[in-house]
Amino acid sequence: MEEKHQDISSAKAVLLGALASGVNGPTWNALKSAFLLLGLCLAVMLGLAFSSSDSLLVLHVGFLVLITATLFLLLSWFLSQIGLVSVEHQMREMDLVPNDHNE
């Protein structure tokens, strides 16, 4: 059996992943990038909070960091349990490509 592989841009795969059931690889990579940038912003905010020596601000930003880390860990655990789906599978599910009924 020969598997057809179409070249799909990452942006199209992420948009498709937002509409179809399951999570594909490019969507997960985009989420990891968003969490990385969020973590970078919160690290800068935490550094500024420490430099201002305002304990309430440090507590507030520390709580935001805790929420972000917890959300990322739970999302990673959930995706490790359900697994990723391929972009081609999502396209077949949404009837964007002909379905060969061999699955």
PDB file of N, CA and C in Angstrom:
ATOM      1  N   MET A   1       0.836  -1.177   0.000  1.00  0.00           N
ATOM      2  CA  MET A   1       0.000   0.000   0.000  1.00  0.00           C
ATOM      3  C   MET A   1       0.880   1.239   0.000  1.00  0.00           C
ATOM      4  N   GLU A   2       0.619   2.099  -0.879  1.00  0.00           N
ATOM      5  CA  GLU A   2       1.383   3.326  -0.979  1.00  0.00           C
ATOM      6  C   GLU A   2       0.598   4.443  -0.318  1.00  0.00           C
ATOM      7  N   GLU A   3       1.267   5.151   0.599  1.00  0.00           N
ATOM      8  CA  GLU A   3       0.586   6.221   1.321  1.00  0.00           C
ATOM      9  C   GLU A   3       0.851   7.544   0.625  1.00  0.00           C
ATOM     10  N   LYS A   4      -0.211   8.283   0.353  1.00  0.00           N
ATOM     11  CA  LYS A   4      -0.077   9.588  -0.281  1.00  0.00           C
ATOM     12  C   LYS A   4       0.237  10.618   0.781  1.00  0.00           C
ATOM     13  N   HIS A   5       1.258  11.428   0.520  1.00  0.00           N
ATOM     14  CA  HIS A   5       1.616  12.476   1.470  1.00  0.00           C
ATOM     15  C   HIS A   5       1.561  13.806   0.755  1.00  0.00           C
ATOM     16  N   GLN A   6       0.703  14.685   1.238  1.00  0.00           N
ATOM     17  CA  GLN A   6       0.576  15.998   0.634  1.00  0.00           C
ATOM     18  C   GLN A   6       1.400  16.996   1.436  1.00  0.00           C
ATOM     19  N   ASP A   7       1.960  17.985   0.735  1.00  0.00           N
ATOM     20  CA  ASP A   7       2.685  19.047   1.410  1.00  0.00           C
ATOM     21  C   ASP A   7       1.676  20.087   1.880  1.00  0.00           C
ATOM     22  N   ILE A   8       1.567  20.210   3.187  1.00  0.00           N
ATOM     23  CA  ILE A   8       0.622  21.137   3.796  1.00  0.00           C
ATOM     24  C   ILE A   8       1.427  22.113   4.640  1.00  0.00           C
ATOM     25  N   SER A   9       1.150  23.402   4.495  1.00  0.00           N
ATOM     26  CA  SER A   9       1.884  24.397   5.269  1.00  0.00           C
ATOM     27  C   SER A   9       1.537  24.258   6.750  1.00  0.00           C
ATOM     28  N   SER A  10       2.458  24.721   7.587  1.00  0.00           N
ATOM     29  CA  SER A  10       2.242  24.631   9.030  1.00  0.00           C
ATOM     30  C   SER A  10       1.050  25.471   9.463  1.00  0.00           C
ATOM     31  N   ALA A  11       0.884  26.643   8.859  1.00  0.00           N
ATOM     32  CA  ALA A  11      -0.240  27.502   9.224  1.00  0.00           C
ATOM     33  C   ALA A  11      -1.569  26.824   8.892  1.00  0.00           C
ATOM     34  N   LYS A  12      -1.639  26.187   7.737  1.00  0.00           N
ATOM     35  CA  LYS A  12      -2.868  25.488   7.350  1.00  0.00           C
ATOM     36  C   LYS A  12      -3.123  24.292   8.270  1.00  0.00           C
ATOM     37  N   ALA A  13      -2.037  23.600   8.669  1.00  0.00           N
ATOM     38  CA  ALA A  13      -2.190  22.457   9.572  1.00  0.00           C
ATOM     39  C   ALA A  13      -2.666  22.904  10.945  1.00  0.00           C
ATOM     40  N   VAL A  14      -2.186  24.064  11.425  1.00  0.00           N
ATOM     41  CA  VAL A  14      -2.625  24.569  12.726  1.00  0.00           C
ATOM     42  C   VAL A  14      -4.085  24.977  12.666  1.00  0.00           C
ATOM     43  N   LEU A  15      -4.491  25.644  11.598  1.00  0.00           N
ATOM     44  CA  LEU A  15      -5.900  26.020  11.451  1.00  0.00           C
ATOM     45  C   LEU A  15      -6.788  24.788  11.332  1.00  0.00           C
ATOM     46  N   LEU A  16      -6.315  23.792  10.606  1.00  0.00           N
ATOM     47  CA  LEU A  16      -7.060  22.549  10.482  1.00  0.00           C
ATOM     48  C   LEU A  16      -7.169  21.858  11.836  1.00  0.00           C
ATOM     49  N   GLY A  17      -6.075  21.899  12.617  1.00  0.00           N
ATOM     50  CA  GLY A  17      -6.082  21.296  13.950  1.00  0.00           C
ATOM     51  C   GLY A  17      -7.038  21.982  14.895  1.00  0.00           C
ATOM     52  N   ALA A  18      -7.298  23.267  14.667  1.00  0.00           N
ATOM     53  CA  ALA A  18      -8.243  23.985  15.514  1.00  0.00           C
ATOM     54  C   ALA A  18      -9.676  23.600  15.191  1.00  0.00           C
ATOM     55  N   LEU A  19      -9.929  23.159  13.976  1.00  0.00           N
ATOM     56  CA  LEU A  19     -11.295  22.837  13.559  1.00  0.00           C
ATOM     57  C   LEU A  19     -11.633  21.356  13.673  1.00  0.00           C
ATOM     58  N   ALA A  20     -10.639  20.486  13.492  1.00  0.00           N
ATOM     59  CA  ALA A  20     -10.894  19.046  13.499  1.00  0.00           C
ATOM     60  C   ALA A  20     -10.677  18.475  14.897  1.00  0.00           C
ATOM     61  N   SER A  21     -11.169  17.280  15.103  1.00  0.00           N
ATOM     62  CA  SER A  21     -10.959  16.627  16.394  1.00  0.00           C
ATOM     63  C   SER A  21      -9.531  16.099  16.467  1.00  0.00           C
ATOM     64  N   GLY A  22      -8.985  16.067  17.662  1.00  0.00           N
ATOM     65  CA  GLY A  22      -7.615  15.626  17.862  1.00  0.00           C
ATOM     66  C   GLY A  22      -6.629  16.767  17.718  1.00  0.00           C
ATOM     67  N   VAL A  23      -5.375  16.478  18.012  1.00  0.00           N
ATOM     68  CA  VAL A  23      -4.305  17.471  17.936  1.00  0.00           C
ATOM     69  C   VAL A  23      -3.235  16.925  17.010  1.00  0.00           C
ATOM     70  N   ASN A  24      -2.862  17.723  16.001  1.00  0.00           N
ATOM     71  CA  ASN A  24      -1.798  17.288  15.099  1.00  0.00           C
ATOM     72  C   ASN A  24      -0.457  17.879  15.551  1.00  0.00           C
ATOM     73  N   GLY A  25       0.618  17.408  14.952  1.00  0.00           N
ATOM     74  CA  GLY A  25       1.959  17.827  15.335  1.00  0.00           C
ATOM     75  C   GLY A  25       2.208  19.321  15.211  1.00  0.00           C
ATOM     76  N   PRO A  26       1.888  19.951  14.076  1.00  0.00           N
ATOM     77  CA  PRO A  26       2.112  21.392  13.972  1.00  0.00           C
ATOM     78  C   PRO A  26       1.320  22.220  14.980  1.00  0.00           C
ATOM     79  N   THR A  27       0.116  21.784  15.326  1.00  0.00           N
ATOM     80  CA  THR A  27      -0.668  22.502  16.334  1.00  0.00           C
ATOM     81  C   THR A  27       0.001  22.393  17.700  1.00  0.00           C
ATOM     82  N   TRP A  28       0.508  21.217  18.036  1.00  0.00           N
ATOM     83  CA  TRP A  28       1.192  21.022  19.315  1.00  0.00           C
ATOM     84  C   TRP A  28       2.480  21.851  19.352  1.00  0.00           C
ATOM     85  N   ASN A  29       3.188  21.931  18.237  1.00  0.00           N
ATOM     86  CA  ASN A  29       4.397  22.763  18.188  1.00  0.00           C
ATOM     87  C   ASN A  29       4.052  24.242  18.364  1.00  0.00           C
ATOM     88  N   ALA A  30       2.948  24.686  17.779  1.00  0.00           N
ATOM     89  CA  ALA A  30       2.521  26.080  17.942  1.00  0.00           C
ATOM     90  C   ALA A  30       2.146  26.356  19.399  1.00  0.00           C
ATOM     91  N   LEU A  31       1.474  25.402  20.047  1.00  0.00           N
ATOM     92  CA  LEU A  31       1.127  25.569  21.458  1.00  0.00           C
ATOM     93  C   LEU A  31       2.367  25.620  22.334  1.00  0.00           C
ATOM     94  N   LYS A  32       3.346  24.759  22.051  1.00  0.00           N
ATOM     95  CA  LYS A  32       4.583  24.786  22.826  1.00  0.00           C
ATOM     96  C   LYS A  32       5.312  26.106  22.640  1.00  0.00           C
ATOM     97  N   SER A  33       5.317  26.642  21.429  1.00  0.00           N
ATOM     98  CA  SER A  33       5.945  27.938  21.177  1.00  0.00           C
ATOM     99  C   SER A  33       5.231  29.056  21.930  1.00  0.00           C
ATOM    100  N   ALA A  34       3.908  29.008  21.950  1.00  0.00           N
ATOM    101  CA  ALA A  34       3.133  30.019  22.677  1.00  0.00           C
ATOM    102  C   ALA A  34       3.420  29.944  24.175  1.00  0.00           C
ATOM    103  N   PHE A  35       3.506  28.734  24.720  1.00  0.00           N
ATOM    104  CA  PHE A  35       3.835  28.591  26.133  1.00  0.00           C
ATOM    105  C   PHE A  35       5.259  29.043  26.424  1.00  0.00           C
ATOM    106  N   LEU A  36       6.175  28.795  25.506  1.00  0.00           N
ATOM    107  CA  LEU A  36       7.555  29.249  25.687  1.00  0.00           C
ATOM    108  C   LEU A  36       7.622  30.768  25.735  1.00  0.00           C
ATOM    109  N   LEU A  37       6.922  31.436  24.822  1.00  0.00           N
ATOM    110  CA  LEU A  37       6.903  32.900  24.825  1.00  0.00           C
ATOM    111  C   LEU A  37       6.188  33.448  26.059  1.00  0.00           C
ATOM    112  N   LEU A  38       5.120  32.787  26.497  1.00  0.00           N
ATOM    113  CA  LEU A  38       4.439  33.195  27.714  1.00  0.00           C
ATOM    114  C   LEU A  38       5.363  33.052  28.925  1.00  0.00           C
ATOM    115  N   GLY A  39       6.100  31.961  28.972  1.00  0.00           N
ATOM    116  CA  GLY A  39       7.054  31.754  30.065  1.00  0.00           C
ATOM    117  C   GLY A  39       8.154  32.799  30.058  1.00  0.00           C
ATOM    118  N   LEU A  40       8.618  33.180  28.877  1.00  0.00           N
ATOM    119  CA  LEU A  40       9.645  34.219  28.765  1.00  0.00           C
ATOM    120  C   LEU A  40       9.116  35.558  29.267  1.00  0.00           C
ATOM    121  N   CYS A  41       7.897  35.906  28.872  1.00  0.00           N
ATOM    122  CA  CYS A  41       7.274  37.159  29.332  1.00  0.00           C
ATOM    123  C   CYS A  41       7.079  37.155  30.845  1.00  0.00           C
ATOM    124  N   LEU A  42       6.628  36.023  31.378  1.00  0.00           N
ATOM    125  CA  LEU A  42       6.417  35.952  32.828  1.00  0.00           C
ATOM    126  C   LEU A  42       7.734  35.976  33.583  1.00  0.00           C
ATOM    127  N   ALA A  43       8.797  35.414  33.007  1.00  0.00           N
ATOM    128  CA  ALA A  43      10.112  35.470  33.655  1.00  0.00           C
ATOM    129  C   ALA A  43      10.618  36.908  33.716  1.00  0.00           C
ATOM    130  N   VAL A  44      10.412  37.658  32.638  1.00  0.00           N
ATOM    131  CA  VAL A  44      10.797  39.074  32.644  1.00  0.00           C
ATOM    132  C   VAL A  44       9.958  39.841  33.665  1.00  0.00           C
ATOM    133  N   MET A  45       8.657  39.560  33.708  1.00  0.00           N
ATOM    134  CA  MET A  45       7.794  40.226  34.684  1.00  0.00           C
ATOM    135  C   MET A  45       8.197  39.879  36.117  1.00  0.00           C
ATOM    136  N   LEU A  46       8.588  38.626  36.338  1.00  0.00           N
ATOM    137  CA  LEU A  46       9.017  38.214  37.670  1.00  0.00           C
ATOM    138  C   LEU A  46      10.315  38.919  38.054  1.00  0.00           C
ATOM    139  N   GLY A  47      11.220  39.051  37.089  1.00  0.00           N
ATOM    140  CA  GLY A  47      12.456  39.790  37.348  1.00  0.00           C
ATOM    141  C   GLY A  47      12.189  41.249  37.680  1.00  0.00           C
ATOM    142  N   LEU A  48      11.271  41.865  36.951  1.00  0.00           N
ATOM    143  CA  LEU A  48      10.910  43.256  37.248  1.00  0.00           C
ATOM    144  C   LEU A  48      10.207  43.382  38.596  1.00  0.00           C
ATOM    145  N   ALA A  49       9.407  42.387  38.944  1.00  0.00           N
ATOM    146  CA  ALA A  49       8.725  42.425  40.243  1.00  0.00           C
ATOM    147  C   ALA A  49       9.733  42.310  41.380  1.00  0.00           C
ATOM    148  N   PHE A  50      10.747  41.449  41.212  1.00  0.00           N
ATOM    149  CA  PHE A  50      11.783  41.337  42.235  1.00  0.00           C
ATOM    150  C   PHE A  50      12.604  42.620  42.341  1.00  0.00           C
ATOM    151  N   SER A  51      12.877  43.251  41.192  1.00  0.00           N
ATOM    152  CA  SER A  51      13.678  44.477  41.224  1.00  0.00           C
ATOM    153  C   SER A  51      12.904  45.648  41.828  1.00  0.00           C
ATOM    154  N   SER A  52      11.582  45.627  41.747  1.00  0.00           N
ATOM    155  CA  SER A  52      10.795  46.696  42.358  1.00  0.00           C
ATOM    156  C   SER A  52      10.588  46.463  43.846  1.00  0.00           C
ATOM    157  N   SER A  53      10.938  45.294  44.315  1.00  0.00           N
ATOM    158  CA  SER A  53      10.814  44.868  45.723  1.00  0.00           C
ATOM    159  C   SER A  53       9.404  45.072  46.267  1.00  0.00           C
ATOM    160  N   ASP A  54       8.425  44.792  45.437  1.00  0.00           N
ATOM    161  CA  ASP A  54       7.021  44.825  45.859  1.00  0.00           C
ATOM    162  C   ASP A  54       6.573  43.379  46.065  1.00  0.00           C
ATOM    163  N   SER A  55       6.369  42.992  47.313  1.00  0.00           N
ATOM    164  CA  SER A  55       6.062  41.590  47.618  1.00  0.00           C
ATOM    165  C   SER A  55       4.715  41.156  47.046  1.00  0.00           C
ATOM    166  N   LEU A  56       3.749  42.065  47.008  1.00  0.00           N
ATOM    167  CA  LEU A  56       2.448  41.703  46.455  1.00  0.00           C
ATOM    168  C   LEU A  56       2.545  41.425  44.952  1.00  0.00           C
ATOM    169  N   LEU A  57       3.359  42.215  44.256  1.00  0.00           N
ATOM    170  CA  LEU A  57       3.551  42.005  42.817  1.00  0.00           C
ATOM    171  C   LEU A  57       4.299  40.699  42.550  1.00  0.00           C
ATOM    172  N   VAL A  58       5.302  40.402  43.377  1.00  0.00           N
ATOM    173  CA  VAL A  58       6.036  39.135  43.242  1.00  0.00           C
ATOM    174  C   VAL A  58       5.096  37.960  43.467  1.00  0.00           C
ATOM    175  N   LEU A  59       4.238  38.058  44.458  1.00  0.00           N
ATOM    176  CA  LEU A  59       3.270  36.996  44.733  1.00  0.00           C
ATOM    177  C   LEU A  59       2.298  36.817  43.568  1.00  0.00           C
ATOM    178  N   HIS A  60       1.822  37.926  43.011  1.00  0.00           N
ATOM    179  CA  HIS A  60       0.868  37.870  41.901  1.00  0.00           C
ATOM    180  C   HIS A  60       1.504  37.229  40.660  1.00  0.00           C
ATOM    181  N   VAL A  61       2.692  37.680  40.288  1.00  0.00           N
ATOM    182  CA  VAL A  61       3.360  37.130  39.104  1.00  0.00           C
ATOM    183  C   VAL A  61       3.788  35.683  39.358  1.00  0.00           C
ATOM    184  N   GLY A  62       4.194  35.376  40.572  1.00  0.00           N
ATOM    185  CA  GLY A  62       4.532  33.988  40.914  1.00  0.00           C
ATOM    186  C   GLY A  62       3.330  33.068  40.764  1.00  0.00           C
ATOM    187  N   PHE A  63       2.156  33.555  41.136  1.00  0.00           N
ATOM    188  CA  PHE A  63       0.931  32.771  40.967  1.00  0.00           C
ATOM    189  C   PHE A  63       0.625  32.562  39.480  1.00  0.00           C
ATOM    190  N   LEU A  64       0.849  33.589  38.653  1.00  0.00           N
ATOM    191  CA  LEU A  64       0.660  33.439  37.203  1.00  0.00           C
ATOM    192  C   LEU A  64       1.625  32.406  36.623  1.00  0.00           C
ATOM    193  N   VAL A  65       2.856  32.404  37.104  1.00  0.00           N
ATOM    194  CA  VAL A  65       3.837  31.405  36.649  1.00  0.00           C
ATOM    195  C   VAL A  65       3.376  30.013  37.050  1.00  0.00           C
ATOM    196  N   LEU A  66       2.876  29.867  38.267  1.00  0.00           N
ATOM    197  CA  LEU A  66       2.368  28.569  38.738  1.00  0.00           C
ATOM    198  C   LEU A  66       1.188  28.088  37.892  1.00  0.00           C
ATOM    199  N   ILE A  67       0.268  28.986  37.563  1.00  0.00           N
ATOM    200  CA  ILE A  67      -0.873  28.624  36.719  1.00  0.00           C
ATOM    201  C   ILE A  67      -0.402  28.183  35.335  1.00  0.00           C
ATOM    202  N   THR A  68       0.541  28.926  34.753  1.00  0.00           N
ATOM    203  CA  THR A  68       1.050  28.593  33.423  1.00  0.00           C
ATOM    204  C   THR A  68       1.754  27.243  33.413  1.00  0.00           C
ATOM    205  N   ALA A  69       2.608  26.999  34.404  1.00  0.00           N
ATOM    206  CA  ALA A  69       3.329  25.725  34.471  1.00  0.00           C
ATOM    207  C   ALA A  69       2.370  24.560  34.663  1.00  0.00           C
ATOM    208  N   THR A  70       1.368  24.752  35.514  1.00  0.00           N
ATOM    209  CA  THR A  70       0.380  23.694  35.741  1.00  0.00           C
ATOM    210  C   THR A  70      -0.412  23.399  34.479  1.00  0.00           C
ATOM    211  N   LEU A  71      -0.835  24.439  33.789  1.00  0.00           N
ATOM    212  CA  LEU A  71      -1.597  24.246  32.553  1.00  0.00           C
ATOM    213  C   LEU A  71      -0.762  23.515  31.499  1.00  0.00           C
ATOM    214  N   PHE A  72       0.507  23.895  31.354  1.00  0.00           N
ATOM    215  CA  PHE A  72       1.359  23.228  30.371  1.00  0.00           C
ATOM    216  C   PHE A  72       1.583  21.763  30.735  1.00  0.00           C
ATOM    217  N   LEU A  73       1.837  21.480  32.005  1.00  0.00           N
ATOM    218  CA  LEU A  73       2.049  20.091  32.418  1.00  0.00           C
ATOM    219  C   LEU A  73       0.795  19.242  32.226  1.00  0.00           C
ATOM    220  N   LEU A  74      -0.367  19.791  32.560  1.00  0.00           N
ATOM    221  CA  LEU A  74      -1.606  19.040  32.362  1.00  0.00           C
ATOM    222  C   LEU A  74      -1.900  18.808  30.883  1.00  0.00           C
ATOM    223  N   LEU A  75      -1.634  19.812  30.059  1.00  0.00           N
ATOM    224  CA  LEU A  75      -1.849  19.654  28.626  1.00  0.00           C
ATOM    225  C   LEU A  75      -0.891  18.622  28.037  1.00  0.00           C
ATOM    226  N   SER A  76       0.364  18.640  28.470  1.00  0.00           N
ATOM    227  CA  SER A  76       1.339  17.643  28.006  1.00  0.00           C
ATOM    228  C   SER A  76       0.934  16.240  28.434  1.00  0.00           C
ATOM    229  N   TRP A  77       0.477  16.095  29.678  1.00  0.00           N
ATOM    230  CA  TRP A  77       0.046  14.788  30.154  1.00  0.00           C
ATOM    231  C   TRP A  77      -1.152  14.298  29.354  1.00  0.00           C
ATOM    232  N   PHE A  78      -2.121  15.188  29.122  1.00  0.00           N
ATOM    233  CA  PHE A  78      -3.321  14.810  28.377  1.00  0.00           C
ATOM    234  C   PHE A  78      -2.962  14.356  26.960  1.00  0.00           C
ATOM    235  N   LEU A  79      -2.080  15.086  26.297  1.00  0.00           N
ATOM    236  CA  LEU A  79      -1.704  14.699  24.932  1.00  0.00           C
ATOM    237  C   LEU A  79      -0.872  13.422  24.912  1.00  0.00           C
ATOM    238  N   SER A  80      -0.114  13.161  25.972  1.00  0.00           N
ATOM    239  CA  SER A  80       0.614  11.890  26.017  1.00  0.00           C
ATOM    240  C   SER A  80      -0.350  10.719  26.192  1.00  0.00           C
ATOM    241  N   GLN A  81      -1.497  10.959  26.807  1.00  0.00           N
ATOM    242  CA  GLN A  81      -2.491   9.905  26.993  1.00  0.00           C
ATOM    243  C   GLN A  81      -3.286   9.636  25.720  1.00  0.00           C
ATOM    244  N   ILE A  82      -3.674  10.696  25.010  1.00  0.00           N
ATOM    245  CA  ILE A  82      -4.520  10.487  23.830  1.00  0.00           C
ATOM    246  C   ILE A  82      -3.712  10.364  22.550  1.00  0.00           C
ATOM    247  N   GLY A  83      -2.512  10.926  22.508  1.00  0.00           N
ATOM    248  CA  GLY A  83      -1.670  10.849  21.322  1.00  0.00           C
ATOM    249  C   GLY A  83      -2.038  11.900  20.286  1.00  0.00           C
ATOM    250  N   LEU A  84      -1.162  12.054  19.330  1.00  0.00           N
ATOM    251  CA  LEU A  84      -1.359  13.012  18.245  1.00  0.00           C
ATOM    252  C   LEU A  84      -1.969  12.301  17.040  1.00  0.00           C
ATOM    253  N   VAL A  85      -2.703  13.043  16.251  1.00  0.00           N
ATOM    254  CA  VAL A  85      -3.242  12.503  15.006  1.00  0.00           C
ATOM    255  C   VAL A  85      -2.528  13.184  13.845  1.00  0.00           C
ATOM    256  N   SER A  86      -2.554  12.544  12.709  1.00  0.00           N
ATOM    257  CA  SER A  86      -1.897  13.120  11.542  1.00  0.00           C
ATOM    258  C   SER A  86      -2.796  14.158  10.884  1.00  0.00           C
ATOM    259  N   VAL A  87      -2.172  15.050  10.163  1.00  0.00           N
ATOM    260  CA  VAL A  87      -2.915  16.080   9.444  1.00  0.00           C
ATOM    261  C   VAL A  87      -3.783  15.432   8.373  1.00  0.00           C
ATOM    262  N   GLU A  88      -3.264  14.386   7.724  1.00  0.00           N
ATOM    263  CA  GLU A  88      -4.023  13.691   6.687  1.00  0.00           C
ATOM    264  C   GLU A  88      -5.288  13.063   7.250  1.00  0.00           C
ATOM    265  N   HIS A  89      -5.187  12.509   8.464  1.00  0.00           N
ATOM    266  CA  HIS A  89      -6.369  11.916   9.103  1.00  0.00           C
ATOM    267  C   HIS A  89      -7.418  12.993   9.378  1.00  0.00           C
ATOM    268  N   GLN A  90      -6.975  14.150   9.842  1.00  0.00           N
ATOM    269  CA  GLN A  90      -7.919  15.240  10.098  1.00  0.00           C
ATOM    270  C   GLN A  90      -8.562  15.729   8.809  1.00  0.00           C
ATOM    271  N   MET A  91      -7.786  15.761   7.727  1.00  0.00           N
ATOM    272  CA  MET A  91      -8.343  16.197   6.445  1.00  0.00           C
ATOM    273  C   MET A  91      -9.373  15.196   5.936  1.00  0.00           C
ATOM    274  N   ARG A  92      -9.095  13.896   6.092  1.00  0.00           N
ATOM    275  CA  ARG A  92     -10.071  12.878   5.684  1.00  0.00           C
ATOM    276  C   ARG A  92     -11.329  12.967   6.534  1.00  0.00           C
ATOM    277  N   GLU A  93     -11.154  13.257   7.828  1.00  0.00           N
ATOM    278  CA  GLU A  93     -12.300  13.348   8.726  1.00  0.00           C
ATOM    279  C   GLU A  93     -13.211  14.511   8.346  1.00  0.00           C
ATOM    280  N   MET A  94     -12.636  15.591   7.865  1.00  0.00           N
ATOM    281  CA  MET A  94     -13.427  16.767   7.479  1.00  0.00           C
ATOM    282  C   MET A  94     -13.811  16.739   6.004  1.00  0.00           C
ATOM    283  N   ASP A  95     -13.536  15.626   5.324  1.00  0.00           N
ATOM    284  CA  ASP A  95     -13.853  15.442   3.902  1.00  0.00           C
ATOM    285  C   ASP A  95     -13.188  16.495   3.017  1.00  0.00           C
ATOM    286  N   LEU A  96     -11.940  16.816   3.322  1.00  0.00           N
ATOM    287  CA  LEU A  96     -11.180  17.742   2.476  1.00  0.00           C
ATOM    288  C   LEU A  96     -10.371  16.998   1.417  1.00  0.00           C
ATOM    289  N   VAL A  97     -10.192  15.701   1.606  1.00  0.00           N
ATOM    290  CA  VAL A  97      -9.535  14.846   0.616  1.00  0.00           C
ATOM    291  C   VAL A  97     -10.441  13.623   0.410  1.00  0.00           C
ATOM    292  N   PRO A  98     -10.313  12.967  -0.723  1.00  0.00           N
ATOM    293  CA  PRO A  98     -11.137  11.772  -0.948  1.00  0.00           C
ATOM    294  C   PRO A  98     -10.842  10.695   0.083  1.00  0.00           C
ATOM    295  N   ASN A  99     -11.868  10.092   0.606  1.00  0.00           N
ATOM    296  CA  ASN A  99     -11.728   9.028   1.600  1.00  0.00           C
ATOM    297  C   ASN A  99     -11.647   7.692   0.881  1.00  0.00           C
ATOM    298  N   ASP A 100     -10.575   6.909   1.152  1.00  0.00           N
ATOM    299  CA  ASP A 100     -10.390   5.642   0.433  1.00  0.00           C
ATOM    300  C   ASP A 100     -11.013   4.455   1.170  1.00  0.00           C
ATOM    301  N   HIS A 101     -11.580   4.635   2.331  1.00  0.00           N
ATOM    302  CA  HIS A 101     -12.283   3.601   3.104  1.00  0.00           C
ATOM    303  C   HIS A 101     -11.407   2.376   3.376  1.00  0.00           C
ATOM    304  N   ASN A 102     -10.098   2.558   3.506  1.00  0.00           N
ATOM    305  CA  ASN A 102      -9.207   1.423   3.801  1.00  0.00           C
ATOM    306  C   ASN A 102      -8.843   1.354   5.266  1.00  0.00           C
ATOM    307  N   GLU A 103      -9.333   2.252   6.075  1.00  0.00           N
ATOM    308  CA  GLU A 103      -8.944   2.244   7.489  1.00  0.00           C
ATOM    309  C   GLU A 103      -9.821   1.299   8.271  1.00  0.00           C
TER     310      GLU A 103
END
